[in-house]
Amino acid sequence: MTQIHPKPLDEMVIHRYNWSESTQLEAKALFERGELRHGISIIADRQVAGYGKNGRIWHDEGGNVAITICLDSYGMESWQQLCFIAAVSVGNVLRKLLAEKQVDNAEVRYKWINDVILDDGKISGILLESLQNRFILVGIGVNNQSAPSIKNISTSKLADYVAVPADRIINLIHYEFMEQYSMWSQYGFIPIRNQWMASPYKFREVITVQDSYSKKHHKGTFIGIDREGNLELKREDGQLVRVSIGEML
């Protein structure tokens, strides 16, 4: 039986907006008009009604990064793993930019399932959306010049560490995402998992996770992610719990 691989991603076709309600909404509008294509990346210099997981508003006054990468979902059996590809891509870019300025006291980590943490504040969020099983939208936001105020969530911004134009961050993310996507397409999830597991947030700490499907809360020691990207918890009674989609509280 011939194995089906995701469609190659060799280049990005840029659609840029000076102002947008949301890059995700721009992608959906292209889809409705029959104009969405694999490899389109939508960028907004200013995004006034961006949204993240669970509909959280992500307001951007400018100088930050708002990207939606559009991918043909054909051949993607585990498209949820794109969240890890995006997170690792952002993490690698942040480490590169920090290293260039010799900032060696900042720690970049990955918070399951869709956040990147700089020190103890959320600097990046990722949102995946499926369009009628034909396209996957990979939304990526990075706090560069400013960070939104979010209830019960600590945030951070890159400008507190280094001064970098948003365009440079975007270009680096595009390049890194294509590299990671190619690796995933050819070799599967394990190389992505290994990078993610090199810097997990709250690793081996006791955490609480809400399962998005059952809405149940699970408490236990975070011991990592499995070969599919599911979060693994070990409860006090020794039972192993796996959560495929959810949120670390």
C-alpha atoms as a PDB file:
ATOM      1  CA  MET A   1       0.000   0.000   0.000  1.00  0.00           C
ATOM      2  CA  THR A   2       1.394   3.406  -0.984  1.00  0.00           C
ATOM      3  CA  GLN A   3       1.868   5.774   1.937  1.00  0.00           C
ATOM      4  CA  ILE A   4       0.324   9.200   1.417  1.00  0.00           C
ATOM      5  CA  HIS A   5       2.457  12.121   2.551  1.00  0.00           C
ATOM      6  CA  PRO A   6       1.302  15.693   3.150  1.00  0.00           C
ATOM      7  CA  LYS A   7       1.697  18.046   0.226  1.00  0.00           C
ATOM      8  CA  PRO A   8       5.224  19.569   0.099  1.00  0.00           C
ATOM      9  CA  LEU A   9       5.679  23.124   1.320  1.00  0.00           C
ATOM     10  CA  ASP A  10       8.503  24.635  -0.730  1.00  0.00           C
ATOM     11  CA  GLU A  11       7.526  28.293  -0.600  1.00  0.00           C
ATOM     12  CA  MET A  12       5.131  30.753   0.999  1.00  0.00           C
ATOM     13  CA  VAL A  13       2.834  32.984  -1.044  1.00  0.00           C
ATOM     14  CA  ILE A  14       2.442  36.137   1.036  1.00  0.00           C
ATOM     15  CA  HIS A  15      -0.858  37.987   1.409  1.00  0.00           C
ATOM     16  CA  ARG A  16      -0.174  41.093   3.470  1.00  0.00           C
ATOM     17  CA  TYR A  17      -2.614  43.483   5.109  1.00  0.00           C
ATOM     18  CA  ASN A  18      -1.798  46.754   6.822  1.00  0.00           C
ATOM     19  CA  TRP A  19      -4.885  46.250   8.957  1.00  0.00           C
ATOM     20  CA  SER A  20      -7.100  43.235   9.548  1.00  0.00           C
ATOM     21  CA  GLU A  21      -9.668  42.000  11.996  1.00  0.00           C
ATOM     22  CA  SER A  22      -7.995  38.585  11.985  1.00  0.00           C
ATOM     23  CA  THR A  23      -5.619  36.700   9.712  1.00  0.00           C
ATOM     24  CA  GLN A  24      -7.688  33.554  10.350  1.00  0.00           C
ATOM     25  CA  LEU A  25     -10.801  35.361   9.118  1.00  0.00           C
ATOM     26  CA  GLU A  26      -8.930  36.581   6.034  1.00  0.00           C
ATOM     27  CA  ALA A  27      -8.036  32.965   5.240  1.00  0.00           C
ATOM     28  CA  LYS A  28     -11.647  31.877   5.690  1.00  0.00           C
ATOM     29  CA  ALA A  29     -12.776  34.633   3.322  1.00  0.00           C
ATOM     30  CA  LEU A  30     -10.331  33.373   0.682  1.00  0.00           C
ATOM     31  CA  PHE A  31     -11.692  29.867   1.193  1.00  0.00           C
ATOM     32  CA  GLU A  32     -15.290  31.015   0.742  1.00  0.00           C
ATOM     33  CA  ARG A  33     -14.304  32.693  -2.543  1.00  0.00           C
ATOM     34  CA  GLY A  34     -12.497  29.573  -3.735  1.00  0.00           C
ATOM     35  CA  GLU A  35      -9.150  31.387  -3.693  1.00  0.00           C
ATOM     36  CA  LEU A  36      -7.362  29.649  -0.822  1.00  0.00           C
ATOM     37  CA  ARG A  37      -4.257  27.712  -1.829  1.00  0.00           C
ATOM     38  CA  HIS A  38      -1.657  25.540  -0.137  1.00  0.00           C
ATOM     39  CA  GLY A  39       1.278  27.646   1.041  1.00  0.00           C
ATOM     40  CA  ILE A  40      -0.511  30.974   1.338  1.00  0.00           C
ATOM     41  CA  SER A  41       0.653  32.897   4.400  1.00  0.00           C
ATOM     42  CA  ILE A  42      -1.514  35.773   5.545  1.00  0.00           C
ATOM     43  CA  ILE A  43       0.188  38.545   7.522  1.00  0.00           C
ATOM     44  CA  ALA A  44      -1.361  41.530   9.258  1.00  0.00           C
ATOM     45  CA  ASP A  45       0.693  44.494  10.435  1.00  0.00           C
ATOM     46  CA  ARG A  46      -2.135  45.324  12.816  1.00  0.00           C
ATOM     47  CA  GLN A  47      -4.809  42.881  13.964  1.00  0.00           C
ATOM     48  CA  VAL A  48      -7.759  44.258  15.917  1.00  0.00           C
ATOM     49  CA  ALA A  49      -9.943  41.197  16.482  1.00  0.00           C
ATOM     50  CA  GLY A  50      -7.535  38.300  16.577  1.00  0.00           C
ATOM     51  CA  TYR A  51      -8.617  35.267  18.543  1.00  0.00           C
ATOM     52  CA  GLY A  52      -6.977  32.254  20.059  1.00  0.00           C
ATOM     53  CA  LYS A  53      -8.003  29.044  21.731  1.00  0.00           C
ATOM     54  CA  ASN A  54     -11.503  29.041  23.248  1.00  0.00           C
ATOM     55  CA  GLY A  55     -12.229  32.330  21.490  1.00  0.00           C
ATOM     56  CA  ARG A  56      -9.833  34.393  23.612  1.00  0.00           C
ATOM     57  CA  ILE A  57      -9.309  37.827  22.101  1.00  0.00           C
ATOM     58  CA  TRP A  58      -5.743  38.584  21.013  1.00  0.00           C
ATOM     59  CA  HIS A  59      -5.581  42.325  20.375  1.00  0.00           C
ATOM     60  CA  ASP A  60      -2.559  43.770  18.554  1.00  0.00           C
ATOM     61  CA  GLU A  61      -1.863  47.483  18.132  1.00  0.00           C
ATOM     62  CA  GLY A  62       1.043  46.879  15.764  1.00  0.00           C
ATOM     63  CA  GLY A  63       4.659  45.791  15.883  1.00  0.00           C
ATOM     64  CA  ASN A  64       3.764  42.212  16.753  1.00  0.00           C
ATOM     65  CA  VAL A  65       3.534  39.077  14.637  1.00  0.00           C
ATOM     66  CA  ALA A  66       0.210  37.798  13.277  1.00  0.00           C
ATOM     67  CA  ILE A  67       0.441  35.008  10.702  1.00  0.00           C
ATOM     68  CA  THR A  68      -1.915  32.401   9.293  1.00  0.00           C
ATOM     69  CA  ILE A  69      -0.250  29.663   7.245  1.00  0.00           C
ATOM     70  CA  CYS A  70      -2.712  27.799   5.002  1.00  0.00           C
ATOM     71  CA  LEU A  71      -2.081  24.128   4.254  1.00  0.00           C
ATOM     72  CA  ASP A  72      -3.828  21.558   2.086  1.00  0.00           C
ATOM     73  CA  SER A  73      -4.949  18.842   4.502  1.00  0.00           C
ATOM     74  CA  TYR A  74      -4.676  16.005   1.949  1.00  0.00           C
ATOM     75  CA  GLY A  75      -2.500  13.236   3.374  1.00  0.00           C
ATOM     76  CA  MET A  76      -2.512  14.692   6.899  1.00  0.00           C
ATOM     77  CA  GLU A  77      -3.669  11.948   9.246  1.00  0.00           C
ATOM     78  CA  SER A  78      -2.437  13.777  12.355  1.00  0.00           C
ATOM     79  CA  TRP A  79      -2.809  17.441  11.482  1.00  0.00           C
ATOM     80  CA  GLN A  80      -3.050  18.375  15.165  1.00  0.00           C
ATOM     81  CA  GLN A  81       0.718  17.834  15.270  1.00  0.00           C
ATOM     82  CA  LEU A  82       1.092  21.041  13.261  1.00  0.00           C
ATOM     83  CA  CYS A  83       0.680  22.811  16.595  1.00  0.00           C
ATOM     84  CA  PHE A  84       3.986  21.342  17.761  1.00  0.00           C
ATOM     85  CA  ILE A  85       5.648  22.176  14.439  1.00  0.00           C
ATOM     86  CA  ALA A  86       4.597  25.804  14.834  1.00  0.00           C
ATOM     87  CA  ALA A  87       5.670  25.950  18.483  1.00  0.00           C
ATOM     88  CA  VAL A  88       9.109  24.474  17.771  1.00  0.00           C
ATOM     89  CA  SER A  89       9.522  26.859  14.830  1.00  0.00           C
ATOM     90  CA  VAL A  90       8.752  29.890  16.998  1.00  0.00           C
ATOM     91  CA  GLY A  91      10.962  28.578  19.792  1.00  0.00           C
ATOM     92  CA  ASN A  92      13.935  28.098  17.473  1.00  0.00           C
ATOM     93  CA  VAL A  93      13.499  31.609  16.063  1.00  0.00           C
ATOM     94  CA  LEU A  94      13.318  33.168  19.527  1.00  0.00           C
ATOM     95  CA  ARG A  95      16.459  31.346  20.653  1.00  0.00           C
ATOM     96  CA  LYS A  96      18.301  32.492  17.532  1.00  0.00           C
ATOM     97  CA  LEU A  97      17.327  36.136  18.075  1.00  0.00           C
ATOM     98  CA  LEU A  98      18.220  36.031  21.762  1.00  0.00           C
ATOM     99  CA  ALA A  99      21.567  34.364  21.030  1.00  0.00           C
ATOM    100  CA  GLU A 100      22.443  37.009  18.427  1.00  0.00           C
ATOM    101  CA  LYS A 101      22.231  39.657  21.152  1.00  0.00           C
ATOM    102  CA  GLN A 102      23.991  37.392  23.640  1.00  0.00           C
ATOM    103  CA  VAL A 103      20.956  37.182  25.891  1.00  0.00           C
ATOM    104  CA  ASP A 104      21.739  33.963  27.702  1.00  0.00           C
ATOM    105  CA  ASN A 105      19.579  34.322  30.806  1.00  0.00           C
ATOM    106  CA  ALA A 106      16.207  33.896  29.068  1.00  0.00           C
ATOM    107  CA  GLU A 107      14.473  30.521  28.838  1.00  0.00           C
ATOM    108  CA  VAL A 108      12.179  29.495  25.979  1.00  0.00           C
ATOM    109  CA  ARG A 109       9.837  26.600  26.755  1.00  0.00           C
ATOM    110  CA  TYR A 110       6.799  24.900  25.237  1.00  0.00           C
ATOM    111  CA  LYS A 111       3.503  24.754  27.076  1.00  0.00           C
ATOM    112  CA  TRP A 112       1.204  21.966  25.952  1.00  0.00           C
ATOM    113  CA  ILE A 113      -0.578  22.199  23.689  1.00  0.00           C
ATOM    114  CA  ASN A 114      -0.323  25.506  21.861  1.00  0.00           C
ATOM    115  CA  ASP A 115       1.830  28.077  23.686  1.00  0.00           C
ATOM    116  CA  VAL A 116       5.441  29.206  23.751  1.00  0.00           C
ATOM    117  CA  ILE A 117       6.704  30.618  27.049  1.00  0.00           C
ATOM    118  CA  LEU A 118       9.558  33.103  27.468  1.00  0.00           C
ATOM    119  CA  ASP A 119      10.730  32.878  31.052  1.00  0.00           C
ATOM    120  CA  ASP A 120       7.353  32.659  32.838  1.00  0.00           C
ATOM    121  CA  GLY A 121       5.199  34.631  30.390  1.00  0.00           C
ATOM    122  CA  LYS A 122       3.319  33.539  27.289  1.00  0.00           C
ATOM    123  CA  ILE A 123       4.990  35.113  24.264  1.00  0.00           C
ATOM    124  CA  SER A 124       3.327  33.099  21.513  1.00  0.00           C
ATOM    125  CA  GLY A 125       0.082  31.275  20.898  1.00  0.00           C
ATOM    126  CA  ILE A 126      -0.878  28.894  18.117  1.00  0.00           C
ATOM    127  CA  LEU A 127      -4.361  28.146  16.803  1.00  0.00           C
ATOM    128  CA  LEU A 128      -5.285  25.353  14.399  1.00  0.00           C
ATOM    129  CA  GLU A 129      -8.542  25.382  12.478  1.00  0.00           C
ATOM    130  CA  SER A 130      -9.822  22.920   9.878  1.00  0.00           C
ATOM    131  CA  LEU A 131     -11.857  24.132   6.898  1.00  0.00           C
ATOM    132  CA  GLN A 132     -14.190  21.341   5.766  1.00  0.00           C
ATOM    133  CA  ASN A 133     -11.332  18.809   5.877  1.00  0.00           C
ATOM    134  CA  ARG A 134      -9.729  20.583   2.919  1.00  0.00           C
ATOM    135  CA  PHE A 135      -7.384  23.098   4.529  1.00  0.00           C
ATOM    136  CA  ILE A 136      -5.716  23.572   7.884  1.00  0.00           C
ATOM    137  CA  LEU A 137      -5.126  27.101   9.124  1.00  0.00           C
ATOM    138  CA  VAL A 138      -2.080  27.492  11.365  1.00  0.00           C
ATOM    139  CA  GLY A 139      -2.442  30.763  13.230  1.00  0.00           C
ATOM    140  CA  ILE A 140       0.715  32.068  14.918  1.00  0.00           C
ATOM    141  CA  GLY A 141       0.903  35.123  17.135  1.00  0.00           C
ATOM    142  CA  VAL A 142       4.082  36.451  18.744  1.00  0.00           C
ATOM    143  CA  ASN A 143       4.317  39.331  21.207  1.00  0.00           C
ATOM    144  CA  ASN A 144       7.110  41.528  19.915  1.00  0.00           C
ATOM    145  CA  GLN A 145       6.480  45.187  20.762  1.00  0.00           C
ATOM    146  CA  SER A 146       3.576  44.668  23.153  1.00  0.00           C
ATOM    147  CA  ALA A 147       1.816  41.950  25.114  1.00  0.00           C
ATOM    148  CA  PRO A 148      -1.926  41.789  25.751  1.00  0.00           C
ATOM    149  CA  SER A 149      -3.368  41.725  29.227  1.00  0.00           C
ATOM    150  CA  ILE A 150      -5.140  38.392  29.718  1.00  0.00           C
ATOM    151  CA  LYS A 151      -6.967  37.392  32.862  1.00  0.00           C
ATOM    152  CA  ASN A 152      -5.082  34.763  34.878  1.00  0.00           C
ATOM    153  CA  ILE A 153      -2.371  34.442  32.201  1.00  0.00           C
ATOM    154  CA  SER A 154       1.101  35.957  32.492  1.00  0.00           C
ATOM    155  CA  THR A 155       2.447  37.325  29.206  1.00  0.00           C
ATOM    156  CA  SER A 156       5.835  38.474  27.928  1.00  0.00           C
ATOM    157  CA  LYS A 157       7.197  40.316  24.887  1.00  0.00           C
ATOM    158  CA  LEU A 158      10.423  40.076  22.932  1.00  0.00           C
ATOM    159  CA  ALA A 159      11.106  43.828  23.114  1.00  0.00           C
ATOM    160  CA  ASP A 160      11.924  43.434  26.806  1.00  0.00           C
ATOM    161  CA  TYR A 161      14.943  41.361  25.750  1.00  0.00           C
ATOM    162  CA  VAL A 162      15.941  42.395  22.210  1.00  0.00           C
ATOM    163  CA  ALA A 163      14.801  44.895  19.564  1.00  0.00           C
ATOM    164  CA  VAL A 164      13.837  43.071  16.367  1.00  0.00           C
ATOM    165  CA  PRO A 165      11.634  44.269  13.476  1.00  0.00           C
ATOM    166  CA  ALA A 166       8.475  42.193  13.128  1.00  0.00           C
ATOM    167  CA  ASP A 167       9.309  41.491   9.472  1.00  0.00           C
ATOM    168  CA  ARG A 168      12.511  39.709  10.429  1.00  0.00           C
ATOM    169  CA  ILE A 169      10.675  37.521  12.918  1.00  0.00           C
ATOM    170  CA  ILE A 170       8.073  36.673  10.273  1.00  0.00           C
ATOM    171  CA  ASN A 171      10.699  35.757   7.674  1.00  0.00           C
ATOM    172  CA  LEU A 172      12.530  33.535  10.141  1.00  0.00           C
ATOM    173  CA  ILE A 173       9.311  31.817  11.219  1.00  0.00           C
ATOM    174  CA  HIS A 174       8.402  31.113   7.589  1.00  0.00           C
ATOM    175  CA  TYR A 175      11.796  29.552   6.920  1.00  0.00           C
ATOM    176  CA  GLU A 176      11.829  27.539  10.140  1.00  0.00           C
ATOM    177  CA  PHE A 177       8.247  26.331   9.674  1.00  0.00           C
ATOM    178  CA  MET A 178       9.032  25.042   6.180  1.00  0.00           C
ATOM    179  CA  GLU A 179      12.080  23.204   7.529  1.00  0.00           C
ATOM    180  CA  GLN A 180      10.142  21.588  10.374  1.00  0.00           C
ATOM    181  CA  TYR A 181       7.171  20.781   8.124  1.00  0.00           C
ATOM    182  CA  SER A 182       9.466  19.064   5.627  1.00  0.00           C
ATOM    183  CA  MET A 183      11.044  17.021   8.416  1.00  0.00           C
ATOM    184  CA  TRP A 184       7.606  16.008   9.698  1.00  0.00           C
ATOM    185  CA  SER A 185       6.389  15.094   6.200  1.00  0.00           C
ATOM    186  CA  GLN A 186       9.385  12.837   5.574  1.00  0.00           C
ATOM    187  CA  TYR A 187      10.136  11.337   8.976  1.00  0.00           C
ATOM    188  CA  GLY A 188       6.985  11.707  11.034  1.00  0.00           C
ATOM    189  CA  PHE A 189       6.431  13.251  14.426  1.00  0.00           C
ATOM    190  CA  ILE A 190       9.375  11.870  16.405  1.00  0.00           C
ATOM    191  CA  PRO A 191      11.964  14.524  15.335  1.00  0.00           C
ATOM    192  CA  ILE A 192       9.443  17.246  16.217  1.00  0.00           C
ATOM    193  CA  ARG A 193       8.596  15.568  19.512  1.00  0.00           C
ATOM    194  CA  ASN A 194      12.277  15.324  20.443  1.00  0.00           C
ATOM    195  CA  GLN A 195      12.757  19.065  19.941  1.00  0.00           C
ATOM    196  CA  TRP A 196       9.600  19.901  21.884  1.00  0.00           C
ATOM    197  CA  MET A 197      10.563  17.587  24.747  1.00  0.00           C
ATOM    198  CA  ALA A 198      13.937  19.319  25.071  1.00  0.00           C
ATOM    199  CA  SER A 199      12.154  22.338  26.617  1.00  0.00           C
ATOM    200  CA  PRO A 200       8.743  21.444  28.076  1.00  0.00           C
ATOM    201  CA  TYR A 201       7.009  23.857  30.449  1.00  0.00           C
ATOM    202  CA  LYS A 202       6.248  22.466  33.935  1.00  0.00           C
ATOM    203  CA  PHE A 203       7.931  19.153  33.134  1.00  0.00           C
ATOM    204  CA  ARG A 204       7.810  16.732  36.083  1.00  0.00           C
ATOM    205  CA  GLU A 205       5.649  19.169  38.024  1.00  0.00           C
ATOM    206  CA  VAL A 206       2.164  18.469  39.357  1.00  0.00           C
ATOM    207  CA  ILE A 207      -0.327  20.125  37.000  1.00  0.00           C
ATOM    208  CA  THR A 208      -4.045  20.143  36.229  1.00  0.00           C
ATOM    209  CA  VAL A 209      -5.281  19.634  32.678  1.00  0.00           C
ATOM    210  CA  GLN A 210      -8.787  20.018  31.312  1.00  0.00           C
ATOM    211  CA  ASP A 211      -9.748  17.534  28.602  1.00  0.00           C
ATOM    212  CA  SER A 212     -11.478  19.434  25.791  1.00  0.00           C
ATOM    213  CA  TYR A 213     -13.661  16.450  24.885  1.00  0.00           C
ATOM    214  CA  SER A 214     -14.865  15.193  28.272  1.00  0.00           C
ATOM    215  CA  LYS A 215     -14.389  18.545  30.079  1.00  0.00           C
ATOM    216  CA  LYS A 216     -12.906  16.529  32.937  1.00  0.00           C
ATOM    217  CA  HIS A 217      -9.998  17.851  34.994  1.00  0.00           C
ATOM    218  CA  HIS A 218      -7.004  15.580  35.481  1.00  0.00           C
ATOM    219  CA  LYS A 219      -4.329  16.216  38.106  1.00  0.00           C
ATOM    220  CA  GLY A 220      -0.956  14.560  38.168  1.00  0.00           C
ATOM    221  CA  THR A 221       2.738  14.811  37.368  1.00  0.00           C
ATOM    222  CA  PHE A 222       3.462  15.922  33.807  1.00  0.00           C
ATOM    223  CA  ILE A 223       5.796  13.286  32.392  1.00  0.00           C
ATOM    224  CA  GLY A 224       5.838  14.364  28.747  1.00  0.00           C
ATOM    225  CA  ILE A 225       4.067  13.792  25.442  1.00  0.00           C
ATOM    226  CA  ASP A 226       3.778  10.475  23.649  1.00  0.00           C
ATOM    227  CA  ARG A 227       4.589   9.567  20.042  1.00  0.00           C
ATOM    228  CA  GLU A 228       1.335  11.160  18.870  1.00  0.00           C
ATOM    229  CA  GLY A 229       1.562  14.399  20.863  1.00  0.00           C
ATOM    230  CA  ASN A 230      -0.833  13.386  23.642  1.00  0.00           C
ATOM    231  CA  LEU A 231      -0.014  14.819  27.060  1.00  0.00           C
ATOM    232  CA  GLU A 232       0.872  12.185  29.661  1.00  0.00           C
ATOM    233  CA  LEU A 233       0.121  12.575  33.358  1.00  0.00           C
ATOM    234  CA  LYS A 234       0.897  10.203  36.201  1.00  0.00           C
ATOM    235  CA  ARG A 235      -1.694  10.435  38.957  1.00  0.00           C
ATOM    236  CA  GLU A 236      -1.016   9.948  42.656  1.00  0.00           C
ATOM    237  CA  ASP A 237      -2.352   6.392  42.413  1.00  0.00           C
ATOM    238  CA  GLY A 238       0.182   5.641  39.664  1.00  0.00           C
ATOM    239  CA  GLN A 239      -2.357   5.560  36.840  1.00  0.00           C
ATOM    240  CA  LEU A 240      -1.208   6.994  33.516  1.00  0.00           C
ATOM    241  CA  VAL A 241      -3.610   9.479  31.921  1.00  0.00           C
ATOM    242  CA  ARG A 242      -3.354  10.626  28.304  1.00  0.00           C
ATOM    243  CA  VAL A 243      -5.077  13.745  27.007  1.00  0.00           C
ATOM    244  CA  SER A 244      -5.187  14.371  23.252  1.00  0.00           C
ATOM    245  CA  ILE A 245      -6.763  17.835  23.198  1.00  0.00           C
ATOM    246  CA  GLY A 246      -7.027  20.086  26.220  1.00  0.00           C
ATOM    247  CA  GLU A 247      -5.535  22.886  28.222  1.00  0.00           C
ATOM    248  CA  MET A 248      -2.966  23.020  30.983  1.00  0.00           C
ATOM    249  CA  LEU A 249      -4.530  25.085  33.764  1.00  0.00           C
END
